[in-house]
Amino acid sequence: MVKARRNRTTIIISQRVPNIMDCDQIIVMQNGQITARGTHTELVKSSPFYAQLVQTQLGGDYID
């Protein structure tokens, strides 16, 4: 999927963290509202909701 996205704007809608971890920008939504925006590393540090998703789905293995 990374090759397909190279040099293109791609919108991915996913509830699975592994599908979006390598994206340049991730937008986190809760209850229909944008609550955070950033890279995976930035969001793990700044968004408790996103960090909880990572912990739940990946067991914390990808928390930088």
N, C-alpha and C. Protein backbone atom coordinates (compact mmCIF):
# COMPACT_ATOMS: atom_id res chain seq x y z
N MET A 1 0.82 -1.19 0.00
CA MET A 1 0.00 0.00 0.00
C MET A 1 0.87 1.26 0.00
N VAL A 2 2.04 1.18 0.59
CA VAL A 2 2.93 2.34 0.63
C VAL A 2 3.32 2.76 -0.78
N LYS A 3 3.64 1.80 -1.65
CA LYS A 3 4.00 2.12 -3.03
C LYS A 3 2.85 2.80 -3.76
N ALA A 4 1.64 2.33 -3.53
CA ALA A 4 0.46 2.91 -4.19
C ALA A 4 0.22 4.35 -3.77
N ARG A 5 0.63 4.71 -2.54
CA ARG A 5 0.40 6.07 -2.03
C ARG A 5 1.52 7.03 -2.38
N ARG A 6 2.63 6.54 -2.84
CA ARG A 6 3.79 7.39 -3.10
C ARG A 6 3.45 8.49 -4.10
N ASN A 7 3.81 9.73 -3.76
CA ASN A 7 3.60 10.90 -4.61
C ASN A 7 2.13 11.16 -4.94
N ARG A 8 1.24 10.75 -4.05
CA ARG A 8 -0.19 10.97 -4.27
C ARG A 8 -0.84 11.37 -2.95
N THR A 9 -1.94 12.07 -3.09
CA THR A 9 -2.78 12.33 -1.92
C THR A 9 -3.78 11.19 -1.84
N THR A 10 -3.79 10.50 -0.71
CA THR A 10 -4.67 9.36 -0.52
C THR A 10 -5.42 9.54 0.79
N ILE A 11 -6.71 9.34 0.77
CA ILE A 11 -7.51 9.40 1.99
C ILE A 11 -7.86 7.98 2.38
N ILE A 12 -7.47 7.61 3.59
CA ILE A 12 -7.73 6.27 4.12
C ILE A 12 -8.62 6.42 5.34
N ILE A 13 -9.70 5.71 5.37
CA ILE A 13 -10.58 5.69 6.54
C ILE A 13 -10.43 4.32 7.17
N SER A 14 -9.97 4.29 8.42
CA SER A 14 -9.69 3.00 9.05
C SER A 14 -9.82 3.08 10.56
N GLN A 15 -10.25 2.00 11.15
CA GLN A 15 -10.25 1.87 12.60
C GLN A 15 -9.05 1.06 13.07
N ARG A 16 -8.28 0.54 12.14
CA ARG A 16 -7.14 -0.30 12.47
C ARG A 16 -5.85 0.52 12.40
N VAL A 17 -5.18 0.61 13.51
CA VAL A 17 -3.95 1.40 13.61
C VAL A 17 -2.88 0.96 12.60
N PRO A 18 -2.64 -0.34 12.40
CA PRO A 18 -1.59 -0.71 11.44
C PRO A 18 -1.81 -0.16 10.03
N ASN A 19 -3.06 0.08 9.65
CA ASN A 19 -3.35 0.60 8.32
C ASN A 19 -2.95 2.06 8.15
N ILE A 20 -2.77 2.78 9.23
CA ILE A 20 -2.53 4.23 9.13
C ILE A 20 -1.22 4.69 9.75
N MET A 21 -0.49 3.80 10.39
CA MET A 21 0.72 4.19 11.12
C MET A 21 1.75 4.93 10.27
N ASP A 22 1.86 4.59 9.00
CA ASP A 22 2.88 5.19 8.14
C ASP A 22 2.40 6.42 7.38
N CYS A 23 1.18 6.85 7.64
CA CYS A 23 0.63 8.02 6.95
C CYS A 23 1.32 9.30 7.42
N ASP A 24 1.43 10.27 6.52
CA ASP A 24 2.05 11.56 6.86
C ASP A 24 1.21 12.33 7.87
N GLN A 25 -0.10 12.26 7.74
CA GLN A 25 -1.02 12.94 8.65
C GLN A 25 -2.16 11.98 9.00
N ILE A 26 -2.47 11.90 10.27
CA ILE A 26 -3.59 11.09 10.77
C ILE A 26 -4.53 12.05 11.47
N ILE A 27 -5.80 11.94 11.16
CA ILE A 27 -6.82 12.76 11.82
C ILE A 27 -7.63 11.83 12.71
N VAL A 28 -7.69 12.14 13.99
CA VAL A 28 -8.42 11.33 14.97
C VAL A 28 -9.79 11.96 15.19
N MET A 29 -10.82 11.12 15.08
CA MET A 29 -12.19 11.61 15.30
C MET A 29 -12.84 10.83 16.43
N GLN A 30 -13.58 11.55 17.26
CA GLN A 30 -14.37 10.95 18.33
C GLN A 30 -15.75 11.59 18.28
N ASN A 31 -16.77 10.77 18.25
CA ASN A 31 -18.15 11.26 18.23
C ASN A 31 -18.39 12.28 17.12
N GLY A 32 -17.79 12.03 15.95
CA GLY A 32 -18.00 12.91 14.80
C GLY A 32 -17.19 14.20 14.81
N GLN A 33 -16.32 14.37 15.79
CA GLN A 33 -15.51 15.59 15.90
C GLN A 33 -14.03 15.26 15.76
N ILE A 34 -13.28 16.12 15.10
CA ILE A 34 -11.83 15.97 15.03
C ILE A 34 -11.26 16.35 16.38
N THR A 35 -10.52 15.43 16.99
CA THR A 35 -9.95 15.69 18.31
C THR A 35 -8.43 15.80 18.30
N ALA A 36 -7.80 15.31 17.22
CA ALA A 36 -6.34 15.38 17.15
C ALA A 36 -5.90 15.17 15.71
N ARG A 37 -4.68 15.65 15.43
CA ARG A 37 -4.11 15.51 14.09
C ARG A 37 -2.61 15.49 14.22
N GLY A 38 -1.96 14.59 13.46
CA GLY A 38 -0.51 14.52 13.49
C GLY A 38 -0.01 13.19 12.94
N THR A 39 1.26 12.93 13.14
CA THR A 39 1.83 11.64 12.75
C THR A 39 1.54 10.63 13.86
N HIS A 40 1.82 9.37 13.58
CA HIS A 40 1.63 8.33 14.59
C HIS A 40 2.39 8.68 15.87
N THR A 41 3.65 9.02 15.74
CA THR A 41 4.49 9.33 16.90
C THR A 41 3.95 10.52 17.68
N GLU A 42 3.54 11.56 16.98
CA GLU A 42 2.98 12.75 17.65
C GLU A 42 1.70 12.41 18.39
N LEU A 43 0.83 11.62 17.75
CA LEU A 43 -0.46 11.31 18.36
C LEU A 43 -0.35 10.39 19.56
N VAL A 44 0.60 9.48 19.54
CA VAL A 44 0.79 8.61 20.70
C VAL A 44 1.12 9.45 21.93
N LYS A 45 1.85 10.54 21.71
CA LYS A 45 2.24 11.41 22.82
C LYS A 45 1.17 12.42 23.20
N SER A 46 0.36 12.87 22.22
CA SER A 46 -0.55 13.99 22.49
C SER A 46 -2.03 13.62 22.59
N SER A 47 -2.40 12.44 22.11
CA SER A 47 -3.82 12.06 22.10
C SER A 47 -4.05 10.81 22.94
N PRO A 48 -4.62 10.95 24.12
CA PRO A 48 -4.90 9.78 24.96
C PRO A 48 -5.78 8.76 24.25
N PHE A 49 -6.73 9.22 23.45
CA PHE A 49 -7.63 8.32 22.72
C PHE A 49 -6.84 7.48 21.72
N TYR A 50 -5.98 8.12 20.94
CA TYR A 50 -5.17 7.40 19.95
C TYR A 50 -4.19 6.45 20.64
N ALA A 51 -3.57 6.91 21.70
CA ALA A 51 -2.64 6.05 22.45
C ALA A 51 -3.35 4.81 22.97
N GLN A 52 -4.59 4.96 23.41
CA GLN A 52 -5.36 3.81 23.89
C GLN A 52 -5.67 2.85 22.74
N LEU A 53 -5.98 3.37 21.56
CA LEU A 53 -6.19 2.50 20.39
C LEU A 53 -4.94 1.68 20.09
N VAL A 54 -3.79 2.33 20.12
CA VAL A 54 -2.53 1.64 19.86
C VAL A 54 -2.32 0.55 20.91
N GLN A 55 -2.51 0.90 22.16
CA GLN A 55 -2.33 -0.06 23.25
C GLN A 55 -3.27 -1.25 23.09
N THR A 56 -4.52 -0.99 22.78
CA THR A 56 -5.52 -2.05 22.64
C THR A 56 -5.24 -2.94 21.43
N GLN A 57 -4.91 -2.33 20.31
CA GLN A 57 -4.75 -3.09 19.07
C GLN A 57 -3.38 -3.74 18.91
N LEU A 58 -2.35 -3.09 19.44
CA LEU A 58 -0.99 -3.57 19.21
C LEU A 58 -0.25 -3.94 20.49
N GLY A 59 -0.91 -3.83 21.61
CA GLY A 59 -0.27 -4.16 22.87
C GLY A 59 0.83 -3.21 23.26
N GLY A 60 0.83 -2.02 22.68
CA GLY A 60 1.83 -1.02 23.05
C GLY A 60 3.15 -1.20 22.34
N ASP A 61 3.26 -2.20 21.45
CA ASP A 61 4.53 -2.46 20.77
C ASP A 61 4.99 -1.32 19.87
N TYR A 62 4.07 -0.48 19.44
CA TYR A 62 4.41 0.58 18.51
C TYR A 62 4.29 1.96 19.13
N ILE A 63 4.32 2.03 20.43
CA ILE A 63 4.33 3.32 21.10
C ILE A 63 5.77 3.78 21.18
N ASP A 64 6.06 4.89 20.51
CA ASP A 64 7.44 5.42 20.47
C ASP A 64 7.77 6.17 21.72
